[in-house]
Amino acid sequence: MTNEGTIDRAIRIVLGLGLLSLVFIGPQTPIGYVGVVPLATGILGFCPAYRLLGLRTGGAAKK
């Protein structure tokens, strides 16, 4: 069950990796751990917030 399109997933993965890099490279701030959320949702293809709001960025729903 996915509710994210391919482009949405790719953006989330890149954004998640970028935020996580802040933990190890650059300012080395723990706020970068927020990147786990978009990374996980991008890998899984499912966003709980989209489900609550009734949004889908990937094609038609499969039945």
PDB file of N, CA and C in Angstrom:
ATOM      1  N   MET A   1       0.845  -1.168   0.000  1.00  0.00           N
ATOM      2  CA  MET A   1       0.000   0.000   0.000  1.00  0.00           C
ATOM      3  C   MET A   1       0.894   1.235   0.000  1.00  0.00           C
ATOM      4  N   THR A   2       0.861   1.955  -1.085  1.00  0.00           N
ATOM      5  CA  THR A   2       1.654   3.175  -1.186  1.00  0.00           C
ATOM      6  C   THR A   2       0.742   4.343  -1.527  1.00  0.00           C
ATOM      7  N   ASN A   3       1.105   5.515  -1.096  1.00  0.00           N
ATOM      8  CA  ASN A   3       0.335   6.709  -1.443  1.00  0.00           C
ATOM      9  C   ASN A   3       1.245   7.830  -1.929  1.00  0.00           C
ATOM     10  N   GLU A   4       2.460   7.459  -2.340  1.00  0.00           N
ATOM     11  CA  GLU A   4       3.419   8.431  -2.857  1.00  0.00           C
ATOM     12  C   GLU A   4       3.839   8.036  -4.266  1.00  0.00           C
ATOM     13  N   GLY A   5       3.979   9.036  -5.116  1.00  0.00           N
ATOM     14  CA  GLY A   5       4.450   8.801  -6.466  1.00  0.00           C
ATOM     15  C   GLY A   5       5.971   8.682  -6.504  1.00  0.00           C
ATOM     16  N   THR A   6       6.494   8.330  -7.650  1.00  0.00           N
ATOM     17  CA  THR A   6       7.928   8.116  -7.816  1.00  0.00           C
ATOM     18  C   THR A   6       8.738   9.385  -7.549  1.00  0.00           C
ATOM     19  N   ILE A   7       8.281  10.498  -8.094  1.00  0.00           N
ATOM     20  CA  ILE A   7       9.009  11.760  -7.900  1.00  0.00           C
ATOM     21  C   ILE A   7       8.957  12.178  -6.437  1.00  0.00           C
ATOM     22  N   ASP A   8       7.803  12.040  -5.814  1.00  0.00           N
ATOM     23  CA  ASP A   8       7.641  12.367  -4.394  1.00  0.00           C
ATOM     24  C   ASP A   8       8.589  11.525  -3.542  1.00  0.00           C
ATOM     25  N   ARG A   9       8.669  10.238  -3.846  1.00  0.00           N
ATOM     26  CA  ARG A   9       9.560   9.345  -3.088  1.00  0.00           C
ATOM     27  C   ARG A   9      11.016   9.748  -3.267  1.00  0.00           C
ATOM     28  N   ALA A  10      11.412  10.071  -4.491  1.00  0.00           N
ATOM     29  CA  ALA A  10      12.797  10.458  -4.757  1.00  0.00           C
ATOM     30  C   ALA A  10      13.164  11.735  -4.007  1.00  0.00           C
ATOM     31  N   ILE A  11      12.247  12.705  -4.013  1.00  0.00           N
ATOM     32  CA  ILE A  11      12.503  13.965  -3.305  1.00  0.00           C
ATOM     33  C   ILE A  11      12.648  13.713  -1.811  1.00  0.00           C
ATOM     34  N   ARG A  12      11.787  12.870  -1.256  1.00  0.00           N
ATOM     35  CA  ARG A  12      11.853  12.567   0.177  1.00  0.00           C
ATOM     36  C   ARG A  12      13.171  11.873   0.544  1.00  0.00           C
ATOM     37  N   ILE A  13      13.617  10.957  -0.281  1.00  0.00           N
ATOM     38  CA  ILE A  13      14.867  10.250   0.002  1.00  0.00           C
ATOM     39  C   ILE A  13      16.049  11.202  -0.037  1.00  0.00           C
ATOM     40  N   VAL A  14      16.110  12.045  -1.064  1.00  0.00           N
ATOM     41  CA  VAL A  14      17.209  13.017  -1.177  1.00  0.00           C
ATOM     42  C   VAL A  14      17.168  14.006  -0.011  1.00  0.00           C
ATOM     43  N   LEU A  15      15.982  14.499   0.319  1.00  0.00           N
ATOM     44  CA  LEU A  15      15.840  15.430   1.435  1.00  0.00           C
ATOM     45  C   LEU A  15      16.248  14.766   2.753  1.00  0.00           C
ATOM     46  N   GLY A  16      15.818  13.532   2.961  1.00  0.00           N
ATOM     47  CA  GLY A  16      16.167  12.805   4.186  1.00  0.00           C
ATOM     48  C   GLY A  16      17.663  12.597   4.318  1.00  0.00           C
ATOM     49  N   LEU A  17      18.296  12.192   3.228  1.00  0.00           N
ATOM     50  CA  LEU A  17      19.748  11.995   3.263  1.00  0.00           C
ATOM     51  C   LEU A  17      20.474  13.319   3.488  1.00  0.00           C
ATOM     52  N   GLY A  18      19.962  14.385   2.881  1.00  0.00           N
ATOM     53  CA  GLY A  18      20.564  15.710   3.076  1.00  0.00           C
ATOM     54  C   GLY A  18      20.483  16.164   4.529  1.00  0.00           C
ATOM     55  N   LEU A  19      19.325  15.973   5.137  1.00  0.00           N
ATOM     56  CA  LEU A  19      19.170  16.354   6.544  1.00  0.00           C
ATOM     57  C   LEU A  19      20.034  15.487   7.461  1.00  0.00           C
ATOM     58  N   LEU A  20      20.077  14.188   7.179  1.00  0.00           N
ATOM     59  CA  LEU A  20      20.912  13.303   8.003  1.00  0.00           C
ATOM     60  C   LEU A  20      22.392  13.643   7.880  1.00  0.00           C
ATOM     61  N   SER A  21      22.796  14.165   6.736  1.00  0.00           N
ATOM     62  CA  SER A  21      24.203  14.535   6.569  1.00  0.00           C
ATOM     63  C   SER A  21      24.596  15.666   7.514  1.00  0.00           C
ATOM     64  N   LEU A  22      23.619  16.459   7.957  1.00  0.00           N
ATOM     65  CA  LEU A  22      23.911  17.547   8.900  1.00  0.00           C
ATOM     66  C   LEU A  22      24.382  17.020  10.253  1.00  0.00           C
ATOM     67  N   VAL A  23      24.067  15.769  10.543  1.00  0.00           N
ATOM     68  CA  VAL A  23      24.496  15.176  11.811  1.00  0.00           C
ATOM     69  C   VAL A  23      25.985  14.850  11.774  1.00  0.00           C
ATOM     70  N   PHE A  24      26.477  14.446  10.607  1.00  0.00           N
ATOM     71  CA  PHE A  24      27.857  13.966  10.496  1.00  0.00           C
ATOM     72  C   PHE A  24      28.792  14.959   9.806  1.00  0.00           C
ATOM     73  N   ILE A  25      28.240  15.756   8.877  1.00  0.00           N
ATOM     74  CA  ILE A  25      29.050  16.685   8.095  1.00  0.00           C
ATOM     75  C   ILE A  25      28.490  18.093   8.295  1.00  0.00           C
ATOM     76  N   GLY A  26      29.273  19.082   8.152  1.00  0.00           N
ATOM     77  CA  GLY A  26      28.785  20.454   8.271  1.00  0.00           C
ATOM     78  C   GLY A  26      28.663  20.888   9.719  1.00  0.00           C
ATOM     79  N   PRO A  27      27.513  21.462  10.081  1.00  0.00           N
ATOM     80  CA  PRO A  27      27.385  22.014  11.431  1.00  0.00           C
ATOM     81  C   PRO A  27      27.280  20.945  12.527  1.00  0.00           C
ATOM     82  N   GLN A  28      27.120  19.710  12.161  1.00  0.00           N
ATOM     83  CA  GLN A  28      27.024  18.582  13.102  1.00  0.00           C
ATOM     84  C   GLN A  28      25.995  18.857  14.189  1.00  0.00           C
ATOM     85  N   THR A  29      24.790  19.127  13.763  1.00  0.00           N
ATOM     86  CA  THR A  29      23.697  19.422  14.672  1.00  0.00           C
ATOM     87  C   THR A  29      22.739  18.233  14.771  1.00  0.00           C
ATOM     88  N   PRO A  30      22.238  17.935  15.952  1.00  0.00           N
ATOM     89  CA  PRO A  30      21.317  16.805  16.102  1.00  0.00           C
ATOM     90  C   PRO A  30      19.957  17.034  15.440  1.00  0.00           C
ATOM     91  N   ILE A  31      19.658  18.252  15.021  1.00  0.00           N
ATOM     92  CA  ILE A  31      18.394  18.518  14.336  1.00  0.00           C
ATOM     93  C   ILE A  31      18.319  17.735  13.023  1.00  0.00           C
ATOM     94  N   GLY A  32      19.456  17.315  12.515  1.00  0.00           N
ATOM     95  CA  GLY A  32      19.501  16.536  11.279  1.00  0.00           C
ATOM     96  C   GLY A  32      18.818  15.187  11.382  1.00  0.00           C
ATOM     97  N   TYR A  33      18.619  14.700  12.600  1.00  0.00           N
ATOM     98  CA  TYR A  33      17.928  13.420  12.774  1.00  0.00           C
ATOM     99  C   TYR A  33      16.474  13.480  12.316  1.00  0.00           C
ATOM    100  N   VAL A  34      15.958  14.683  12.104  1.00  0.00           N
ATOM    101  CA  VAL A  34      14.618  14.845  11.547  1.00  0.00           C
ATOM    102  C   VAL A  34      14.568  14.202  10.153  1.00  0.00           C
ATOM    103  N   GLY A  35      15.704  14.086   9.496  1.00  0.00           N
ATOM    104  CA  GLY A  35      15.781  13.483   8.170  1.00  0.00           C
ATOM    105  C   GLY A  35      15.381  12.027   8.125  1.00  0.00           C
ATOM    106  N   VAL A  36      15.292  11.379   9.270  1.00  0.00           N
ATOM    107  CA  VAL A  36      14.865   9.975   9.310  1.00  0.00           C
ATOM    108  C   VAL A  36      13.420   9.856   8.820  1.00  0.00           C
ATOM    109  N   VAL A  37      12.593  10.835   9.122  1.00  0.00           N
ATOM    110  CA  VAL A  37      11.174  10.771   8.749  1.00  0.00           C
ATOM    111  C   VAL A  37      10.986  10.784   7.227  1.00  0.00           C
ATOM    112  N   PRO A  38      11.494  11.794   6.498  1.00  0.00           N
ATOM    113  CA  PRO A  38      11.299  11.745   5.047  1.00  0.00           C
ATOM    114  C   PRO A  38      12.031  10.572   4.393  1.00  0.00           C
ATOM    115  N   LEU A  39      13.169  10.175   4.946  1.00  0.00           N
ATOM    116  CA  LEU A  39      13.880   9.038   4.384  1.00  0.00           C
ATOM    117  C   LEU A  39      13.048   7.764   4.525  1.00  0.00           C
ATOM    118  N   ALA A  40      12.496   7.533   5.697  1.00  0.00           N
ATOM    119  CA  ALA A  40      11.687   6.326   5.927  1.00  0.00           C
ATOM    120  C   ALA A  40      10.422   6.331   5.067  1.00  0.00           C
ATOM    121  N   THR A  41       9.735   7.468   4.999  1.00  0.00           N
ATOM    122  CA  THR A  41       8.507   7.510   4.198  1.00  0.00           C
ATOM    123  C   THR A  41       8.822   7.373   2.710  1.00  0.00           C
ATOM    124  N   GLY A  42       9.961   7.894   2.288  1.00  0.00           N
ATOM    125  CA  GLY A  42      10.351   7.746   0.885  1.00  0.00           C
ATOM    126  C   GLY A  42      10.699   6.311   0.539  1.00  0.00           C
ATOM    127  N   ILE A  43      11.373   5.627   1.425  1.00  0.00           N
ATOM    128  CA  ILE A  43      11.738   4.234   1.175  1.00  0.00           C
ATOM    129  C   ILE A  43      10.501   3.341   1.204  1.00  0.00           C
ATOM    130  N   LEU A  44       9.627   3.569   2.176  1.00  0.00           N
ATOM    131  CA  LEU A  44       8.419   2.746   2.310  1.00  0.00           C
ATOM    132  C   LEU A  44       7.344   3.099   1.284  1.00  0.00           C
ATOM    133  N   GLY A  45       7.348   4.352   0.808  1.00  0.00           N
ATOM    134  CA  GLY A  45       6.341   4.771  -0.158  1.00  0.00           C
ATOM    135  C   GLY A  45       5.004   5.081   0.483  1.00  0.00           C
ATOM    136  N   PHE A  46       4.974   5.206   1.779  1.00  0.00           N
ATOM    137  CA  PHE A  46       3.732   5.465   2.508  1.00  0.00           C
ATOM    138  C   PHE A  46       3.935   6.615   3.479  1.00  0.00           C
ATOM    139  N   CYS A  47       3.036   7.593   3.435  1.00  0.00           N
ATOM    140  CA  CYS A  47       3.094   8.739   4.335  1.00  0.00           C
ATOM    141  C   CYS A  47       1.813   8.786   5.160  1.00  0.00           C
ATOM    142  N   PRO A  48       1.918   8.616   6.480  1.00  0.00           N
ATOM    143  CA  PRO A  48       0.722   8.651   7.319  1.00  0.00           C
ATOM    144  C   PRO A  48      -0.037   9.983   7.228  1.00  0.00           C
ATOM    145  N   ALA A  49       0.665  11.093   7.069  1.00  0.00           N
ATOM    146  CA  ALA A  49       0.000  12.395   6.954  1.00  0.00           C
ATOM    147  C   ALA A  49      -0.854  12.451   5.688  1.00  0.00           C
ATOM    148  N   TYR A  50      -0.364  11.895   4.596  1.00  0.00           N
ATOM    149  CA  TYR A  50      -1.149  11.842   3.368  1.00  0.00           C
ATOM    150  C   TYR A  50      -2.421  11.044   3.598  1.00  0.00           C
ATOM    151  N   ARG A  51      -2.312   9.958   4.332  1.00  0.00           N
ATOM    152  CA  ARG A  51      -3.475   9.110   4.615  1.00  0.00           C
ATOM    153  C   ARG A  51      -4.525   9.888   5.407  1.00  0.00           C
ATOM    154  N   LEU A  52      -4.083  10.625   6.431  1.00  0.00           N
ATOM    155  CA  LEU A  52      -5.019  11.407   7.238  1.00  0.00           C
ATOM    156  C   LEU A  52      -5.714  12.496   6.423  1.00  0.00           C
ATOM    157  N   LEU A  53      -4.965  13.094   5.501  1.00  0.00           N
ATOM    158  CA  LEU A  53      -5.510  14.183   4.693  1.00  0.00           C
ATOM    159  C   LEU A  53      -6.192  13.703   3.410  1.00  0.00           C
ATOM    160  N   GLY A  54      -6.096  12.395   3.117  1.00  0.00           N
ATOM    161  CA  GLY A  54      -6.722  11.842   1.926  1.00  0.00           C
ATOM    162  C   GLY A  54      -5.993  12.194   0.638  1.00  0.00           C
ATOM    163  N   LEU A  55      -4.689  12.413   0.713  1.00  0.00           N
ATOM    164  CA  LEU A  55      -3.891  12.773  -0.460  1.00  0.00           C
ATOM    165  C   LEU A  55      -3.209  11.555  -1.061  1.00  0.00           C
ATOM    166  N   ARG A  56      -2.954  11.611  -2.366  1.00  0.00           N
ATOM    167  CA  ARG A  56      -2.167  10.606  -3.076  1.00  0.00           C
ATOM    168  C   ARG A  56      -1.362  11.311  -4.151  1.00  0.00           C
ATOM    169  N   THR A  57      -0.077  11.017  -4.248  1.00  0.00           N
ATOM    170  CA  THR A  57       0.716  11.606  -5.337  1.00  0.00           C
ATOM    171  C   THR A  57       1.071  10.551  -6.374  1.00  0.00           C
ATOM    172  N   GLY A  58       0.741   9.317  -6.109  1.00  0.00           N
ATOM    173  CA  GLY A  58       0.993   8.247  -7.071  1.00  0.00           C
ATOM    174  C   GLY A  58      -0.308   7.876  -7.743  1.00  0.00           C
ATOM    175  N   GLY A  59      -0.404   7.537  -8.922  1.00  0.00           N
ATOM    176  CA  GLY A  59      -1.579   7.176  -9.710  1.00  0.00           C
ATOM    177  C   GLY A  59      -2.841   6.786  -8.969  1.00  0.00           C
ATOM    178  N   ALA A  60      -3.671   6.030  -9.643  1.00  0.00           N
ATOM    179  CA  ALA A  60      -4.975   5.610  -9.101  1.00  0.00           C
ATOM    180  C   ALA A  60      -4.793   4.558  -8.008  1.00  0.00           C
ATOM    181  N   ALA A  61      -5.753   4.503  -7.109  1.00  0.00           N
ATOM    182  CA  ALA A  61      -5.723   3.527  -6.014  1.00  0.00           C
ATOM    183  C   ALA A  61      -5.954   2.125  -6.571  1.00  0.00           C
ATOM    184  N   LYS A  62      -5.200   1.166  -6.086  1.00  0.00           N
ATOM    185  CA  LYS A  62      -5.348  -0.232  -6.504  1.00  0.00           C
ATOM    186  C   LYS A  62      -6.426  -0.892  -5.649  1.00  0.00           C
ATOM    187  N   LYS A  63      -7.266  -1.675  -6.287  1.00  0.00           N
ATOM    188  CA  LYS A  63      -8.324  -2.357  -5.546  1.00  0.00           C
ATOM    189  C   LYS A  63      -8.194  -3.843  -5.662  1.00  0.00           C
TER     190      LYS A  63
END
